[in-house]
Amino acid sequence: MYALPLEEFTKARNDLARRLSKAGRGDAAEEVKKLVKPSIPVWTANQLARREPGEVRALLRSAEELRKAQQRALGGKGGSDLQDRLAEQRRSVRALARLGRDILANEGRSVSDAIVGRIAKTLDAAALDEGWRFQLRAGRLTEELEPPGFEALAGMASARRARKGAAAAKPKPERIGEARRRVQEAQREARARAREADQAEAEAQRAERAAGEAHQTARAARKRADEAQRALAEAEAALRKTQRS
């Protein structure tokens, strides 16, 4: 169902629920009935997983590198590396969001900057969450997501270290605080640069749209001028013919 055009989701869900019910699988039918039609950003993210699997894999790899850099930064090293990984994650998200804009445009849907922003947030959050990564890869996201903040990412790193059974001595509180400050500073810097890039891209897109409209207006004006020129030539030819008569 999640691979279908958005307007076909509800019918496909209801048909599946009826088939399950007729097959005596009432519990499964009830679960299917509860499935909510995806929003446009969620549907677009699922389409990206199916149409652009290589780009989605690149995003997931970028998110994994970001988590590793987060761990290193929490250990008191690799602050600049974290900033680089944050920037790379942002680039991967932006690249996919642009492809999502193209998908929606090809479907004949109007695409606002707000919609593209929601697509980007959902992709970013799904890639960074261990529970949602599989759903994104499979193209089966069911809801819009918000990227985790520093504390959530720090919790992921801590949990991963605990699972590995690390027996190192507990870092001093001041070292933890300093590491967190470096991480937060790197995050702020990367986000500031990302905002600048987003604004520049939006301005470029507006300029491209304006240029396209100007070209269309110019072509229409040229067509009218050519028609007027032909009409003038025909009128002059008719006048000369009349004079000769």
C-alpha atoms as a PDB file:
ATOM      1  CA  MET A   1       0.000   0.000   0.000  1.00  0.00           C
ATOM      2  CA  TYR A   2       2.810   2.383   0.818  1.00  0.00           C
ATOM      3  CA  ALA A   3       4.157   2.007  -2.713  1.00  0.00           C
ATOM      4  CA  LEU A   4       0.879   3.104  -4.301  1.00  0.00           C
ATOM      5  CA  PRO A   5      -0.062   6.625  -5.403  1.00  0.00           C
ATOM      6  CA  LEU A   6      -1.285   8.518  -2.352  1.00  0.00           C
ATOM      7  CA  GLU A   7      -4.892   8.790  -3.529  1.00  0.00           C
ATOM      8  CA  GLU A   8      -5.121   4.983  -3.843  1.00  0.00           C
ATOM      9  CA  PHE A   9      -4.048   4.241  -0.268  1.00  0.00           C
ATOM     10  CA  THR A  10      -7.461   4.292   1.407  1.00  0.00           C
ATOM     11  CA  LYS A  11      -9.131   2.043  -1.185  1.00  0.00           C
ATOM     12  CA  ALA A  12      -6.230  -0.442  -1.081  1.00  0.00           C
ATOM     13  CA  ARG A  13      -6.313  -0.513   2.729  1.00  0.00           C
ATOM     14  CA  ASN A  14     -10.057  -1.137   2.843  1.00  0.00           C
ATOM     15  CA  ASP A  15      -9.835  -3.826   0.152  1.00  0.00           C
ATOM     16  CA  LEU A  16      -7.085  -5.616   2.055  1.00  0.00           C
ATOM     17  CA  ALA A  17      -9.059  -5.430   5.290  1.00  0.00           C
ATOM     18  CA  ARG A  18     -12.098  -6.981   3.561  1.00  0.00           C
ATOM     19  CA  ARG A  19     -10.019  -9.809   2.090  1.00  0.00           C
ATOM     20  CA  LEU A  20      -8.478 -10.566   5.467  1.00  0.00           C
ATOM     21  CA  SER A  21     -11.884 -10.543   7.113  1.00  0.00           C
ATOM     22  CA  LYS A  22     -13.325 -12.939   4.518  1.00  0.00           C
ATOM     23  CA  ALA A  23     -10.331 -15.213   5.049  1.00  0.00           C
ATOM     24  CA  GLY A  24     -11.206 -15.455   8.735  1.00  0.00           C
ATOM     25  CA  ARG A  25      -8.323 -13.268   9.879  1.00  0.00           C
ATOM     26  CA  GLY A  26     -10.379 -10.761  11.806  1.00  0.00           C
ATOM     27  CA  ASP A  27      -7.561  -9.552  14.060  1.00  0.00           C
ATOM     28  CA  ALA A  28      -5.315  -8.788  11.096  1.00  0.00           C
ATOM     29  CA  ALA A  29      -8.195  -7.039   9.341  1.00  0.00           C
ATOM     30  CA  GLU A  30      -8.734  -4.787  12.360  1.00  0.00           C
ATOM     31  CA  GLU A  31      -5.042  -3.880  12.436  1.00  0.00           C
ATOM     32  CA  VAL A  32      -5.124  -2.990   8.751  1.00  0.00           C
ATOM     33  CA  LYS A  33      -8.188  -0.792   9.272  1.00  0.00           C
ATOM     34  CA  LYS A  34      -6.210   1.244  11.811  1.00  0.00           C
ATOM     35  CA  LEU A  35      -3.529   2.166   9.254  1.00  0.00           C
ATOM     36  CA  VAL A  36      -3.634   5.904   8.642  1.00  0.00           C
ATOM     37  CA  LYS A  37      -3.207   7.404   5.196  1.00  0.00           C
ATOM     38  CA  PRO A  38       0.304   8.881   5.057  1.00  0.00           C
ATOM     39  CA  SER A  39       0.748  12.628   4.911  1.00  0.00           C
ATOM     40  CA  ILE A  40       2.405  14.050   1.798  1.00  0.00           C
ATOM     41  CA  PRO A  41       5.861  14.252   3.485  1.00  0.00           C
ATOM     42  CA  VAL A  42       5.620  10.661   4.748  1.00  0.00           C
ATOM     43  CA  TRP A  43       4.389   9.366   1.377  1.00  0.00           C
ATOM     44  CA  THR A  44       7.242  11.196  -0.344  1.00  0.00           C
ATOM     45  CA  ALA A  45       9.837   9.709   2.031  1.00  0.00           C
ATOM     46  CA  ASN A  46       8.482   6.221   1.284  1.00  0.00           C
ATOM     47  CA  GLN A  47       8.612   6.895  -2.458  1.00  0.00           C
ATOM     48  CA  LEU A  48      12.221   8.029  -2.134  1.00  0.00           C
ATOM     49  CA  ALA A  49      13.105   4.707  -0.488  1.00  0.00           C
ATOM     50  CA  ARG A  50      11.708   2.906  -3.523  1.00  0.00           C
ATOM     51  CA  ARG A  51      12.840   5.238  -6.307  1.00  0.00           C
ATOM     52  CA  GLU A  52      16.169   6.423  -4.899  1.00  0.00           C
ATOM     53  CA  PRO A  53      17.467   3.513  -2.765  1.00  0.00           C
ATOM     54  CA  GLY A  54      21.097   4.497  -3.327  1.00  0.00           C
ATOM     55  CA  GLU A  55      20.521   8.002  -1.967  1.00  0.00           C
ATOM     56  CA  VAL A  56      18.641   6.610   1.027  1.00  0.00           C
ATOM     57  CA  ARG A  57      21.505   4.223   1.784  1.00  0.00           C
ATOM     58  CA  ALA A  58      23.906   7.169   1.583  1.00  0.00           C
ATOM     59  CA  LEU A  59      21.772   9.034   4.126  1.00  0.00           C
ATOM     60  CA  LEU A  60      21.756   6.057   6.483  1.00  0.00           C
ATOM     61  CA  ARG A  61      25.549   5.733   6.212  1.00  0.00           C
ATOM     62  CA  SER A  62      25.896   9.433   6.953  1.00  0.00           C
ATOM     63  CA  ALA A  63      23.683   9.059  10.024  1.00  0.00           C
ATOM     64  CA  GLU A  64      25.781   6.139  11.249  1.00  0.00           C
ATOM     65  CA  GLU A  65      28.967   8.190  10.898  1.00  0.00           C
ATOM     66  CA  LEU A  66      27.290  11.022  12.773  1.00  0.00           C
ATOM     67  CA  ARG A  67      26.439   8.709  15.672  1.00  0.00           C
ATOM     68  CA  LYS A  68      30.045   7.498  15.813  1.00  0.00           C
ATOM     69  CA  ALA A  69      31.299  11.089  15.840  1.00  0.00           C
ATOM     70  CA  GLN A  70      28.814  11.840  18.619  1.00  0.00           C
ATOM     71  CA  GLN A  71      30.313   9.031  20.689  1.00  0.00           C
ATOM     72  CA  ARG A  72      33.833  10.329  20.146  1.00  0.00           C
ATOM     73  CA  ALA A  73      32.814  13.858  21.069  1.00  0.00           C
ATOM     74  CA  LEU A  74      31.171  12.656  24.271  1.00  0.00           C
ATOM     75  CA  GLY A  75      34.473  10.980  25.076  1.00  0.00           C
ATOM     76  CA  GLY A  76      36.172  14.353  24.900  1.00  0.00           C
ATOM     77  CA  LYS A  77      37.635  14.205  21.397  1.00  0.00           C
ATOM     78  CA  GLY A  78      36.667  14.679  17.781  1.00  0.00           C
ATOM     79  CA  GLY A  79      34.674  17.920  18.081  1.00  0.00           C
ATOM     80  CA  SER A  80      35.668  19.115  14.603  1.00  0.00           C
ATOM     81  CA  ASP A  81      34.871  15.685  13.183  1.00  0.00           C
ATOM     82  CA  LEU A  82      31.390  15.922  14.683  1.00  0.00           C
ATOM     83  CA  GLN A  83      30.852  19.248  12.931  1.00  0.00           C
ATOM     84  CA  ASP A  84      31.906  17.687   9.627  1.00  0.00           C
ATOM     85  CA  ARG A  85      29.558  14.748  10.147  1.00  0.00           C
ATOM     86  CA  LEU A  86      26.669  17.077  11.015  1.00  0.00           C
ATOM     87  CA  ALA A  87      27.313  19.016   7.813  1.00  0.00           C
ATOM     88  CA  GLU A  88      27.466  15.802   5.773  1.00  0.00           C
ATOM     89  CA  GLN A  89      24.213  14.590   7.294  1.00  0.00           C
ATOM     90  CA  ARG A  90      22.582  17.871   6.416  1.00  0.00           C
ATOM     91  CA  ARG A  91      23.810  17.649   2.814  1.00  0.00           C
ATOM     92  CA  SER A  92      22.443  14.117   2.459  1.00  0.00           C
ATOM     93  CA  VAL A  93      19.070  15.194   3.827  1.00  0.00           C
ATOM     94  CA  ARG A  94      18.915  18.223   1.519  1.00  0.00           C
ATOM     95  CA  ALA A  95      19.800  16.112  -1.512  1.00  0.00           C
ATOM     96  CA  LEU A  96      16.989  13.661  -0.781  1.00  0.00           C
ATOM     97  CA  ALA A  97      14.509  16.429   0.000  1.00  0.00           C
ATOM     98  CA  ARG A  98      15.233  17.980  -3.414  1.00  0.00           C
ATOM     99  CA  LEU A  99      14.554  14.618  -5.058  1.00  0.00           C
ATOM    100  CA  GLY A 100      11.321  14.476  -3.053  1.00  0.00           C
ATOM    101  CA  ARG A 101      10.354  17.874  -4.453  1.00  0.00           C
ATOM    102  CA  ASP A 102      10.903  16.480  -7.966  1.00  0.00           C
ATOM    103  CA  ILE A 103       8.722  13.446  -7.229  1.00  0.00           C
ATOM    104  CA  LEU A 104       5.856  15.641  -6.055  1.00  0.00           C
ATOM    105  CA  ALA A 105       6.237  17.979  -9.017  1.00  0.00           C
ATOM    106  CA  ASN A 106       6.150  15.018 -11.415  1.00  0.00           C
ATOM    107  CA  GLU A 107       2.957  13.865  -9.698  1.00  0.00           C
ATOM    108  CA  GLY A 108       1.427  17.244 -10.475  1.00  0.00           C
ATOM    109  CA  ARG A 109       1.315  18.337  -6.853  1.00  0.00           C
ATOM    110  CA  SER A 110       2.134  21.848  -5.710  1.00  0.00           C
ATOM    111  CA  VAL A 111       5.303  21.852  -3.617  1.00  0.00           C
ATOM    112  CA  SER A 112       5.841  24.486  -0.940  1.00  0.00           C
ATOM    113  CA  ASP A 113       9.037  25.112   1.007  1.00  0.00           C
ATOM    114  CA  ALA A 114       7.134  24.059   4.145  1.00  0.00           C
ATOM    115  CA  ILE A 115       6.358  20.631   2.669  1.00  0.00           C
ATOM    116  CA  VAL A 116       9.966  20.147   1.595  1.00  0.00           C
ATOM    117  CA  GLY A 117      11.063  21.114   5.115  1.00  0.00           C
ATOM    118  CA  ARG A 118       8.761  18.480   6.637  1.00  0.00           C
ATOM    119  CA  ILE A 119      10.134  15.863   4.233  1.00  0.00           C
ATOM    120  CA  ALA A 120      13.679  16.782   5.284  1.00  0.00           C
ATOM    121  CA  LYS A 121      12.862  16.580   9.002  1.00  0.00           C
ATOM    122  CA  THR A 122      11.221  13.172   8.636  1.00  0.00           C
ATOM    123  CA  LEU A 123      14.163  11.794   6.644  1.00  0.00           C
ATOM    124  CA  ASP A 124      16.671  13.191   9.132  1.00  0.00           C
ATOM    125  CA  ALA A 125      14.823  11.839  12.149  1.00  0.00           C
ATOM    126  CA  ALA A 126      14.225   8.384  10.642  1.00  0.00           C
ATOM    127  CA  ALA A 127      17.882   8.003   9.679  1.00  0.00           C
ATOM    128  CA  LEU A 128      19.051   8.896  13.190  1.00  0.00           C
ATOM    129  CA  ASP A 129      16.594   6.676  15.051  1.00  0.00           C
ATOM    130  CA  GLU A 130      17.487   3.000  15.338  1.00  0.00           C
ATOM    131  CA  GLY A 131      13.820   2.059  15.479  1.00  0.00           C
ATOM    132  CA  TRP A 132      12.815   3.971  12.324  1.00  0.00           C
ATOM    133  CA  ARG A 133      15.843   3.233  10.133  1.00  0.00           C
ATOM    134  CA  PHE A 134      14.417  -0.092   8.956  1.00  0.00           C
ATOM    135  CA  GLN A 135      11.028   1.472   8.175  1.00  0.00           C
ATOM    136  CA  LEU A 136      12.701   4.187   6.101  1.00  0.00           C
ATOM    137  CA  ARG A 137      14.833   1.681   4.193  1.00  0.00           C
ATOM    138  CA  ALA A 138      11.742  -0.431   3.504  1.00  0.00           C
ATOM    139  CA  GLY A 139       9.649   2.592   2.487  1.00  0.00           C
ATOM    140  CA  ARG A 140       7.086   1.939   5.211  1.00  0.00           C
ATOM    141  CA  LEU A 141       7.136   5.054   7.366  1.00  0.00           C
ATOM    142  CA  THR A 142       3.734   5.771   8.904  1.00  0.00           C
ATOM    143  CA  GLU A 143       4.154   9.198  10.513  1.00  0.00           C
ATOM    144  CA  GLU A 144       6.112  12.421  10.339  1.00  0.00           C
ATOM    145  CA  LEU A 145       9.103  12.627  12.651  1.00  0.00           C
ATOM    146  CA  GLU A 146      11.215  15.297  14.322  1.00  0.00           C
ATOM    147  CA  PRO A 147      15.023  14.989  14.457  1.00  0.00           C
ATOM    148  CA  PRO A 148      16.343  14.191  17.964  1.00  0.00           C
ATOM    149  CA  GLY A 149      18.162  16.838  19.944  1.00  0.00           C
ATOM    150  CA  PHE A 150      21.529  16.566  21.636  1.00  0.00           C
ATOM    151  CA  GLU A 151      20.237  14.748  24.712  1.00  0.00           C
ATOM    152  CA  ALA A 152      18.576  12.035  22.619  1.00  0.00           C
ATOM    153  CA  LEU A 153      21.722  11.466  20.587  1.00  0.00           C
ATOM    154  CA  ALA A 154      23.784  11.418  23.748  1.00  0.00           C
ATOM    155  CA  GLY A 155      21.443   8.778  25.132  1.00  0.00           C
ATOM    156  CA  MET A 156      21.970   6.644  22.020  1.00  0.00           C
ATOM    157  CA  ALA A 157      25.720   6.835  22.424  1.00  0.00           C
ATOM    158  CA  SER A 158      25.547   5.987  26.110  1.00  0.00           C
ATOM    159  CA  ALA A 159      23.251   3.030  25.481  1.00  0.00           C
ATOM    160  CA  ARG A 160      25.523   1.696  22.769  1.00  0.00           C
ATOM    161  CA  ARG A 161      28.554   1.909  25.055  1.00  0.00           C
ATOM    162  CA  ALA A 162      26.616   0.090  27.769  1.00  0.00           C
ATOM    163  CA  ARG A 163      25.650  -2.714  25.375  1.00  0.00           C
ATOM    164  CA  LYS A 164      29.285  -3.210  24.510  1.00  0.00           C
ATOM    165  CA  GLY A 165      30.000  -3.682  28.203  1.00  0.00           C
ATOM    166  CA  ALA A 166      32.627  -0.974  28.470  1.00  0.00           C
ATOM    167  CA  ALA A 167      34.223  -1.072  31.885  1.00  0.00           C
ATOM    168  CA  ALA A 168      36.161   2.182  31.673  1.00  0.00           C
ATOM    169  CA  ALA A 169      36.201   4.524  34.643  1.00  0.00           C
ATOM    170  CA  LYS A 170      33.381   7.038  34.767  1.00  0.00           C
ATOM    171  CA  PRO A 171      34.460  10.376  33.242  1.00  0.00           C
ATOM    172  CA  LYS A 172      34.649  13.360  35.536  1.00  0.00           C
ATOM    173  CA  PRO A 173      31.579  15.634  35.463  1.00  0.00           C
ATOM    174  CA  GLU A 174      33.609  18.587  34.199  1.00  0.00           C
ATOM    175  CA  ARG A 175      34.912  16.516  31.277  1.00  0.00           C
ATOM    176  CA  ILE A 176      31.371  15.462  30.385  1.00  0.00           C
ATOM    177  CA  GLY A 177      30.189  19.069  30.569  1.00  0.00           C
ATOM    178  CA  GLU A 178      33.016  20.273  28.372  1.00  0.00           C
ATOM    179  CA  ALA A 179      32.384  17.523  25.836  1.00  0.00           C
ATOM    180  CA  ARG A 180      28.713  18.407  25.711  1.00  0.00           C
ATOM    181  CA  ARG A 181      29.518  22.079  25.246  1.00  0.00           C
ATOM    182  CA  ARG A 182      31.780  21.218  22.315  1.00  0.00           C
ATOM    183  CA  VAL A 183      29.102  19.040  20.775  1.00  0.00           C
ATOM    184  CA  GLN A 184      26.442  21.707  21.159  1.00  0.00           C
ATOM    185  CA  GLU A 185      28.731  24.363  19.715  1.00  0.00           C
ATOM    186  CA  ALA A 186      29.488  22.155  16.728  1.00  0.00           C
ATOM    187  CA  GLN A 187      25.799  21.490  16.246  1.00  0.00           C
ATOM    188  CA  ARG A 188      24.954  25.201  16.357  1.00  0.00           C
ATOM    189  CA  GLU A 189      27.692  25.997  13.837  1.00  0.00           C
ATOM    190  CA  ALA A 190      26.640  23.245  11.449  1.00  0.00           C
ATOM    191  CA  ARG A 191      22.977  24.229  11.690  1.00  0.00           C
ATOM    192  CA  ALA A 192      23.815  27.889  11.087  1.00  0.00           C
ATOM    193  CA  ARG A 193      25.795  26.975   7.965  1.00  0.00           C
ATOM    194  CA  ALA A 194      22.980  24.651   6.882  1.00  0.00           C
ATOM    195  CA  ARG A 195      20.419  27.457   7.274  1.00  0.00           C
ATOM    196  CA  GLU A 196      22.580  29.705   5.125  1.00  0.00           C
ATOM    197  CA  ALA A 197      22.799  26.984   2.488  1.00  0.00           C
ATOM    198  CA  ASP A 198      19.036  26.419   2.611  1.00  0.00           C
ATOM    199  CA  GLN A 199      18.366  30.141   2.196  1.00  0.00           C
ATOM    200  CA  ALA A 200      20.786  30.357  -0.717  1.00  0.00           C
ATOM    201  CA  GLU A 201      19.147  27.367  -2.381  1.00  0.00           C
ATOM    202  CA  ALA A 202      15.670  28.831  -1.856  1.00  0.00           C
ATOM    203  CA  GLU A 203      16.764  32.147  -3.360  1.00  0.00           C
ATOM    204  CA  ALA A 204      18.325  30.343  -6.312  1.00  0.00           C
ATOM    205  CA  GLN A 205      15.131  28.359  -6.866  1.00  0.00           C
ATOM    206  CA  ARG A 206      13.034  31.547  -6.721  1.00  0.00           C
ATOM    207  CA  ALA A 207      15.395  33.177  -9.207  1.00  0.00           C
ATOM    208  CA  GLU A 208      15.131  30.165 -11.509  1.00  0.00           C
ATOM    209  CA  ARG A 209      11.342  30.262 -11.327  1.00  0.00           C
ATOM    210  CA  ALA A 210      11.327  34.004 -12.029  1.00  0.00           C
ATOM    211  CA  ALA A 211      13.714  33.513 -14.938  1.00  0.00           C
ATOM    212  CA  GLY A 212      11.510  30.758 -16.320  1.00  0.00           C
ATOM    213  CA  GLU A 213       8.434  32.975 -16.120  1.00  0.00           C
ATOM    214  CA  ALA A 214      10.349  35.821 -17.785  1.00  0.00           C
ATOM    215  CA  HIS A 215      11.420  33.497 -20.615  1.00  0.00           C
ATOM    216  CA  GLN A 216       7.814  32.386 -21.100  1.00  0.00           C
ATOM    217  CA  THR A 217       6.651  36.005 -21.231  1.00  0.00           C
ATOM    218  CA  ALA A 218       9.407  36.843 -23.717  1.00  0.00           C
ATOM    219  CA  ARG A 219       8.495  33.880 -25.925  1.00  0.00           C
ATOM    220  CA  ALA A 220       4.829  34.886 -25.899  1.00  0.00           C
ATOM    221  CA  ALA A 221       5.755  38.478 -26.781  1.00  0.00           C
ATOM    222  CA  ARG A 222       8.003  37.259 -29.613  1.00  0.00           C
ATOM    223  CA  LYS A 223       5.197  35.077 -30.952  1.00  0.00           C
ATOM    224  CA  ARG A 224       2.805  38.028 -30.946  1.00  0.00           C
ATOM    225  CA  ALA A 225       5.433  40.194 -32.680  1.00  0.00           C
ATOM    226  CA  ASP A 226       5.986  37.549 -35.367  1.00  0.00           C
ATOM    227  CA  GLU A 227       2.241  37.269 -35.941  1.00  0.00           C
ATOM    228  CA  ALA A 228       1.968  41.032 -36.218  1.00  0.00           C
ATOM    229  CA  GLN A 229       4.872  41.052 -38.704  1.00  0.00           C
ATOM    230  CA  ARG A 230       3.190  38.412 -40.836  1.00  0.00           C
ATOM    231  CA  ALA A 231      -0.078  40.333 -40.751  1.00  0.00           C
ATOM    232  CA  LEU A 232       1.778  43.494 -41.840  1.00  0.00           C
ATOM    233  CA  ALA A 233       3.470  41.679 -44.713  1.00  0.00           C
ATOM    234  CA  GLU A 234       0.137  40.267 -45.867  1.00  0.00           C
ATOM    235  CA  ALA A 235      -1.480  43.708 -45.674  1.00  0.00           C
ATOM    236  CA  GLU A 236       1.362  45.294 -47.676  1.00  0.00           C
ATOM    237  CA  ALA A 237       1.159  42.560 -50.281  1.00  0.00           C
ATOM    238  CA  ALA A 238      -2.594  43.097 -50.593  1.00  0.00           C
ATOM    239  CA  LEU A 239      -2.074  46.839 -50.960  1.00  0.00           C
ATOM    240  CA  ARG A 240       0.490  46.400 -53.754  1.00  0.00           C
ATOM    241  CA  LYS A 241      -1.843  44.016 -55.547  1.00  0.00           C
ATOM    242  CA  THR A 242      -4.691  46.527 -55.305  1.00  0.00           C
ATOM    243  CA  GLN A 243      -2.462  49.327 -56.639  1.00  0.00           C
ATOM    244  CA  ARG A 244      -1.423  47.234 -59.643  1.00  0.00           C
ATOM    245  CA  SER A 245      -5.054  46.524 -60.413  1.00  0.00           C
END
